[in-house]
Amino acid sequence: MANIVSGFLVPHDPIMFVAPDAPEKNIADKAWGAYETCAARLADLDVDTVIIIGNDHYMLFGTTCLPQYCIATGDVDGPLDQLPGLKRQSIPNNEELATFIAAHGHANGFDWAVARSFTTDHSFSIPFQKIVQRASELKGKEIQAIPVYLASAVDPYLSMERSQQLGLAISRAVNAFEGNNKVAVIGSGGISHWVGTKESGKVNEVFDRKVIEYCLSLNEAAIMSLSDEQILAEGGNGAMELRNFVCTMASVQADTSELIEYQPVPEWVTGLGFIELKKN
């Protein structure tokens, strides 16, 4: 039986790549170092597959079709939006497990949109390259990665409740998979940031620390209790990505958690939080 052994909640801030020297060096070093810490811990877990839960930014999907949730089951590459230090490349997908998750969902009330050929954007490729790929290098073995995309960046948004339900469905599907796979889940996004608005560059540390406390106490219900209006007012449209956190927390069902790093970085327009979700 496959099982989920751990998880991480991390940012996917493209401005880190566009303007790496914008913040003070000690702040930048702590943020980049947090990715390295996550990679080292992932390598120590000896997983063979990572499910990365991210979201589109009107790059891959758009006004013609915006699925509520989508899983890539075939060839994967990316990111489409290449950045300095984040170049497009082929990505090793665990096609067998991804296909099983979709089929298990379809049999149990979750009508996955399925992409048999998929190009990611930065919400997947930043944690993939900075954490999963780096862990592969540290471990000396390939770690496969499955892209899952939620409608958590542009409306109509997936509801918080459905995000949690989907995470539980992912957990059940992994547990039902006949294999010895050790799986980790990465929730990619957040925390406070305003995208394409006049408030861009604002970071709300009070909101961020509230969300971090909810994550550290494994309190999905508290995150889910935040209304969309409250999130938009206090955390910005980018904080709607908290759905990715809820889905990840539900899938991992952690016993404990640990804050690896938090830095509010207006120069990178985001409150950057890194949390490990641990299972005994």
Protein backbone atom coordinates (compact mmCIF):
# COMPACT_ATOMS: atom_id res chain seq x y z
CA MET A 1 0.00 0.00 0.00
CA ALA A 2 1.25 3.48 -0.86
CA ASN A 3 1.16 6.10 1.85
CA ILE A 4 1.66 9.82 2.39
CA VAL A 5 4.53 10.35 4.81
CA SER A 6 4.93 14.13 5.00
CA GLY A 7 4.11 17.49 3.50
CA PHE A 8 5.33 21.04 3.07
CA LEU A 9 3.63 24.42 2.66
CA VAL A 10 5.82 26.77 0.63
CA PRO A 11 5.59 29.91 -1.54
CA HIS A 12 6.00 30.11 -5.31
CA ASP A 13 7.13 33.72 -5.67
CA PRO A 14 8.39 34.47 -9.21
CA ILE A 15 9.80 37.87 -8.15
CA MET A 16 12.47 35.99 -6.20
CA PHE A 17 13.85 34.90 -9.57
CA VAL A 18 13.27 38.17 -11.42
CA ALA A 19 14.85 40.38 -8.73
CA PRO A 20 16.89 38.09 -6.47
CA ASP A 21 18.92 40.96 -4.99
CA ALA A 22 15.98 43.26 -4.20
CA PRO A 23 15.74 42.54 -0.44
CA GLU A 24 18.55 42.81 2.07
CA LYS A 25 20.96 39.90 1.66
CA ASN A 26 20.25 38.33 5.04
CA ILE A 27 16.53 38.27 4.28
CA ALA A 28 17.05 36.81 0.82
CA ASP A 29 19.46 34.20 2.18
CA LYS A 30 16.91 33.04 4.74
CA ALA A 31 14.24 32.60 2.06
CA TRP A 32 16.49 30.76 -0.38
CA GLY A 33 17.87 28.74 2.53
CA ALA A 34 14.37 27.64 3.48
CA TYR A 35 13.97 25.95 0.10
CA GLU A 36 17.26 24.15 0.69
CA THR A 37 16.09 23.04 4.14
CA CYS A 38 12.88 21.67 2.63
CA ALA A 39 14.90 19.83 -0.02
CA ALA A 40 17.22 18.29 2.57
CA ARG A 41 14.29 17.14 4.69
CA LEU A 42 12.51 15.71 1.67
CA ALA A 43 15.66 13.80 0.75
CA ASP A 44 15.83 12.37 4.27
CA LEU A 45 12.24 11.11 3.94
CA ASP A 46 13.33 8.88 1.02
CA VAL A 47 10.10 9.44 -0.91
CA ASP A 48 9.73 8.39 -4.53
CA THR A 49 6.81 10.66 -5.46
CA VAL A 50 5.70 14.19 -4.57
CA ILE A 51 2.25 15.60 -5.33
CA ILE A 52 2.50 19.36 -5.80
CA ILE A 53 -0.77 21.23 -5.31
CA GLY A 54 -0.68 24.59 -7.05
CA ASN A 55 -2.87 26.82 -9.16
CA ASP A 56 -3.09 28.46 -12.53
CA HIS A 57 -2.50 32.20 -12.99
CA TYR A 58 -4.53 32.53 -16.22
CA MET A 59 -1.55 31.10 -18.11
CA LEU A 60 -2.53 27.45 -18.61
CA PHE A 61 -6.28 27.81 -18.26
CA GLY A 62 -8.35 30.90 -18.82
CA THR A 63 -11.65 32.32 -19.91
CA THR A 64 -12.23 29.50 -22.41
CA CYS A 65 -12.00 26.75 -19.76
CA LEU A 66 -11.17 26.95 -16.05
CA PRO A 67 -11.39 23.55 -14.32
CA GLN A 68 -12.06 23.49 -10.59
CA TYR A 69 -9.31 20.91 -10.16
CA CYS A 70 -7.04 19.12 -12.60
CA ILE A 71 -4.40 16.38 -12.37
CA ALA A 72 -1.70 15.68 -14.95
CA THR A 73 -1.55 11.97 -15.80
CA GLY A 74 0.83 11.95 -18.76
CA ASP A 75 3.85 13.81 -20.13
CA VAL A 76 4.74 16.90 -18.10
CA ASP A 77 7.14 19.76 -18.72
CA GLY A 78 7.48 23.35 -17.59
CA PRO A 79 7.31 26.04 -16.59
CA LEU A 80 5.58 27.82 -19.44
CA ASP A 81 6.56 31.14 -17.84
CA GLN A 82 10.32 30.71 -17.82
CA LEU A 83 12.26 32.93 -15.43
CA PRO A 84 15.95 33.59 -14.79
CA GLY A 85 17.10 30.47 -12.98
CA LEU A 86 13.82 28.66 -13.72
CA LYS A 87 14.05 27.18 -17.18
CA ARG A 88 11.60 24.91 -18.96
CA GLN A 89 12.41 21.22 -18.72
CA SER A 90 10.91 17.75 -18.82
CA ILE A 91 9.40 16.64 -15.48
CA PRO A 92 9.24 12.98 -14.36
CA ASN A 93 5.58 12.32 -13.60
CA ASN A 94 4.36 9.24 -11.73
CA GLU A 95 1.80 8.54 -14.44
CA GLU A 96 0.56 5.30 -12.90
CA LEU A 97 -0.25 6.85 -9.53
CA ALA A 98 -1.68 10.03 -11.07
CA THR A 99 -3.98 7.99 -13.31
CA PHE A 100 -5.09 5.92 -10.32
CA ILE A 101 -5.86 9.04 -8.26
CA ALA A 102 -8.07 10.34 -11.08
CA ALA A 103 -9.83 6.99 -11.56
CA HIS A 104 -10.32 6.54 -7.81
CA GLY A 105 -11.81 10.02 -7.64
CA HIS A 106 -14.18 9.37 -10.50
CA ALA A 107 -15.41 6.26 -8.71
CA ASN A 108 -15.95 8.18 -5.48
CA GLY A 109 -17.58 11.47 -6.39
CA PHE A 110 -14.61 13.55 -7.58
CA ASP A 111 -14.77 14.32 -11.28
CA TRP A 112 -11.16 15.22 -11.96
CA ALA A 113 -10.24 17.15 -15.06
CA VAL A 114 -7.38 15.13 -16.53
CA ALA A 115 -4.46 16.46 -18.57
CA ARG A 116 -2.72 13.69 -20.52
CA SER A 117 -0.12 16.19 -21.69
CA PHE A 118 0.61 19.18 -19.50
CA THR A 119 2.87 22.20 -19.20
CA THR A 120 3.14 23.63 -15.71
CA ASP A 121 3.53 27.22 -14.60
CA HIS A 122 5.68 28.58 -11.76
CA SER A 123 3.31 27.43 -9.00
CA PHE A 124 4.45 23.89 -9.70
CA SER A 125 7.91 24.41 -11.13
CA ILE A 126 9.35 26.58 -8.35
CA PRO A 127 8.78 23.97 -5.61
CA PHE A 128 9.64 21.21 -8.06
CA GLN A 129 13.00 22.64 -9.05
CA LYS A 130 13.96 24.16 -5.68
CA ILE A 131 12.76 21.27 -3.48
CA VAL A 132 11.97 18.05 -5.37
CA GLN A 133 14.69 18.21 -7.97
CA ARG A 134 17.21 19.40 -5.39
CA ALA A 135 16.21 16.50 -3.09
CA SER A 136 16.77 14.15 -6.01
CA GLU A 137 20.30 15.52 -6.35
CA LEU A 138 20.97 15.19 -2.62
CA LYS A 139 19.58 11.65 -2.51
CA GLY A 140 21.10 10.52 -5.78
CA LYS A 141 17.83 9.13 -7.12
CA GLU A 142 14.97 10.44 -9.21
CA ILE A 143 11.87 11.62 -7.39
CA GLN A 144 8.74 11.83 -9.52
CA ALA A 145 6.24 14.65 -9.20
CA ILE A 146 2.51 14.83 -9.93
CA PRO A 147 0.96 18.24 -10.75
CA VAL A 148 -2.43 19.04 -9.23
CA TYR A 149 -4.00 22.41 -10.04
CA LEU A 150 -6.85 24.02 -8.09
CA ALA A 151 -8.95 27.03 -9.09
CA SER A 152 -7.52 29.11 -6.27
CA ALA A 153 -6.08 32.13 -8.07
CA VAL A 154 -8.88 33.31 -10.35
CA ASP A 155 -12.63 33.03 -9.99
CA PRO A 156 -14.78 31.05 -9.91
CA TYR A 157 -12.76 29.79 -6.97
CA LEU A 158 -12.91 26.25 -5.70
CA SER A 159 -14.59 26.40 -2.29
CA MET A 160 -12.57 25.86 0.86
CA GLU A 161 -14.80 22.92 1.73
CA ARG A 162 -14.22 21.23 -1.62
CA SER A 163 -10.49 21.88 -1.31
CA GLN A 164 -10.48 19.97 1.98
CA GLN A 165 -12.62 17.19 0.55
CA LEU A 166 -10.28 16.89 -2.42
CA GLY A 167 -7.29 16.57 -0.11
CA LEU A 168 -9.00 13.76 1.76
CA ALA A 169 -9.84 12.10 -1.58
CA ILE A 170 -6.18 12.28 -2.60
CA SER A 171 -5.20 10.65 0.69
CA ARG A 172 -7.72 7.84 0.24
CA ALA A 173 -6.61 7.26 -3.34
CA VAL A 174 -2.93 7.06 -2.41
CA ASN A 175 -3.73 4.62 0.41
CA ALA A 176 -5.72 2.46 -2.02
CA PHE A 177 -2.90 2.32 -4.57
CA GLU A 178 -1.27 -1.09 -4.76
CA GLY A 179 2.38 -0.18 -4.50
CA ASN A 180 5.05 0.63 -1.97
CA ASN A 181 5.24 4.31 -2.90
CA LYS A 182 6.25 6.79 -0.22
CA VAL A 183 4.56 10.07 -1.11
CA ALA A 184 4.96 13.64 0.10
CA VAL A 185 2.58 16.50 -0.71
CA ILE A 186 3.61 20.12 -1.25
CA GLY A 187 1.08 22.93 -1.00
CA SER A 188 2.37 25.77 -3.16
CA GLY A 189 1.23 29.36 -2.64
CA GLY A 190 0.53 32.29 -0.33
CA ILE A 191 0.69 33.90 2.00
CA SER A 192 -0.30 37.60 1.73
CA HIS A 193 0.26 39.19 -1.67
CA TRP A 194 -1.64 41.34 -4.11
CA VAL A 195 -1.29 40.40 -7.78
CA GLY A 196 -1.87 42.98 -10.52
CA THR A 197 -3.54 45.48 -8.22
CA LYS A 198 -2.60 48.91 -6.88
CA GLU A 199 -1.67 47.27 -3.56
CA SER A 200 1.01 45.13 -5.20
CA GLY A 201 4.07 45.09 -2.95
CA LYS A 202 2.04 45.18 0.24
CA VAL A 203 2.59 42.39 2.78
CA ASN A 204 0.33 41.91 5.81
CA GLU A 205 2.50 40.30 8.48
CA VAL A 206 -0.38 40.15 10.98
CA PHE A 207 -2.49 38.14 8.56
CA ASP A 208 0.46 35.93 7.63
CA ARG A 209 1.26 35.06 11.22
CA LYS A 210 -2.38 34.27 11.90
CA VAL A 211 -2.41 31.85 8.97
CA ILE A 212 0.91 30.36 10.05
CA GLU A 213 -0.46 29.75 13.53
CA TYR A 214 -3.49 27.98 12.03
CA CYS A 215 -1.15 25.80 9.97
CA LEU A 216 1.14 25.02 12.90
CA SER A 217 -1.84 24.02 15.04
CA LEU A 218 -3.11 21.92 12.12
CA ASN A 219 -6.35 23.85 12.28
CA GLU A 220 -7.82 23.50 8.80
CA ALA A 221 -11.20 24.65 10.11
CA ALA A 222 -9.77 28.02 11.13
CA ILE A 223 -8.37 28.62 7.65
CA MET A 224 -11.63 27.48 6.10
CA SER A 225 -13.55 29.89 8.32
CA LEU A 226 -11.87 32.84 6.60
CA SER A 227 -14.35 34.25 4.12
CA ASP A 228 -13.22 35.18 0.62
CA GLU A 229 -13.98 38.81 1.45
CA GLN A 230 -11.75 38.66 4.53
CA ILE A 231 -8.92 36.97 2.65
CA LEU A 232 -9.07 39.50 -0.16
CA ALA A 233 -9.11 42.42 2.29
CA GLU A 234 -6.38 41.19 4.63
CA GLY A 235 -4.23 38.95 2.45
CA GLY A 236 -4.90 40.05 -1.11
CA ASN A 237 -6.04 38.09 -4.13
CA GLY A 238 -2.85 36.02 -3.97
CA ALA A 239 -3.86 34.69 -0.56
CA MET A 240 -6.81 32.90 -2.12
CA GLU A 241 -4.13 30.26 -2.69
CA LEU A 242 -4.74 29.20 0.92
CA ARG A 243 -7.01 26.63 -0.69
CA ASN A 244 -3.81 24.85 -1.73
CA PHE A 245 -2.76 24.75 1.92
CA VAL A 246 -6.11 23.35 3.05
CA CYS A 247 -6.02 20.64 0.36
CA THR A 248 -2.47 19.70 1.33
CA MET A 249 -3.17 19.61 5.06
CA ALA A 250 -6.21 17.40 4.46
CA SER A 251 -4.21 15.02 2.30
CA VAL A 252 -1.27 14.71 4.71
CA GLN A 253 -3.23 14.45 7.98
CA ALA A 254 -0.09 15.45 9.89
CA ASP A 255 0.54 14.71 13.54
CA THR A 256 2.79 17.73 14.12
CA SER A 257 4.16 20.67 12.15
CA GLU A 258 7.16 22.97 12.22
CA LEU A 259 7.81 26.49 10.97
CA ILE A 260 10.97 26.41 8.89
CA GLU A 261 11.00 30.10 7.99
CA TYR A 262 8.84 33.17 7.63
CA GLN A 263 9.92 36.40 5.98
CA PRO A 264 7.62 39.31 5.01
CA VAL A 265 9.33 40.65 1.89
CA PRO A 266 7.67 43.66 0.21
CA GLU A 267 10.52 43.72 -2.33
CA TRP A 268 9.30 40.29 -3.43
CA VAL A 269 5.63 41.33 -2.95
CA THR A 270 4.87 38.32 -0.73
CA GLY A 271 4.80 37.01 2.81
CA LEU A 272 7.01 33.93 2.45
CA GLY A 273 6.13 31.07 4.79
CA PHE A 274 7.72 27.60 4.86
CA ILE A 275 6.11 24.90 7.04
CA GLU A 276 6.75 21.18 7.31
CA LEU A 277 3.80 18.87 8.03
CA LYS A 278 5.10 15.82 9.88
CA LYS A 279 3.70 12.36 10.47
CA ASN A 280 4.85 10.08 13.27
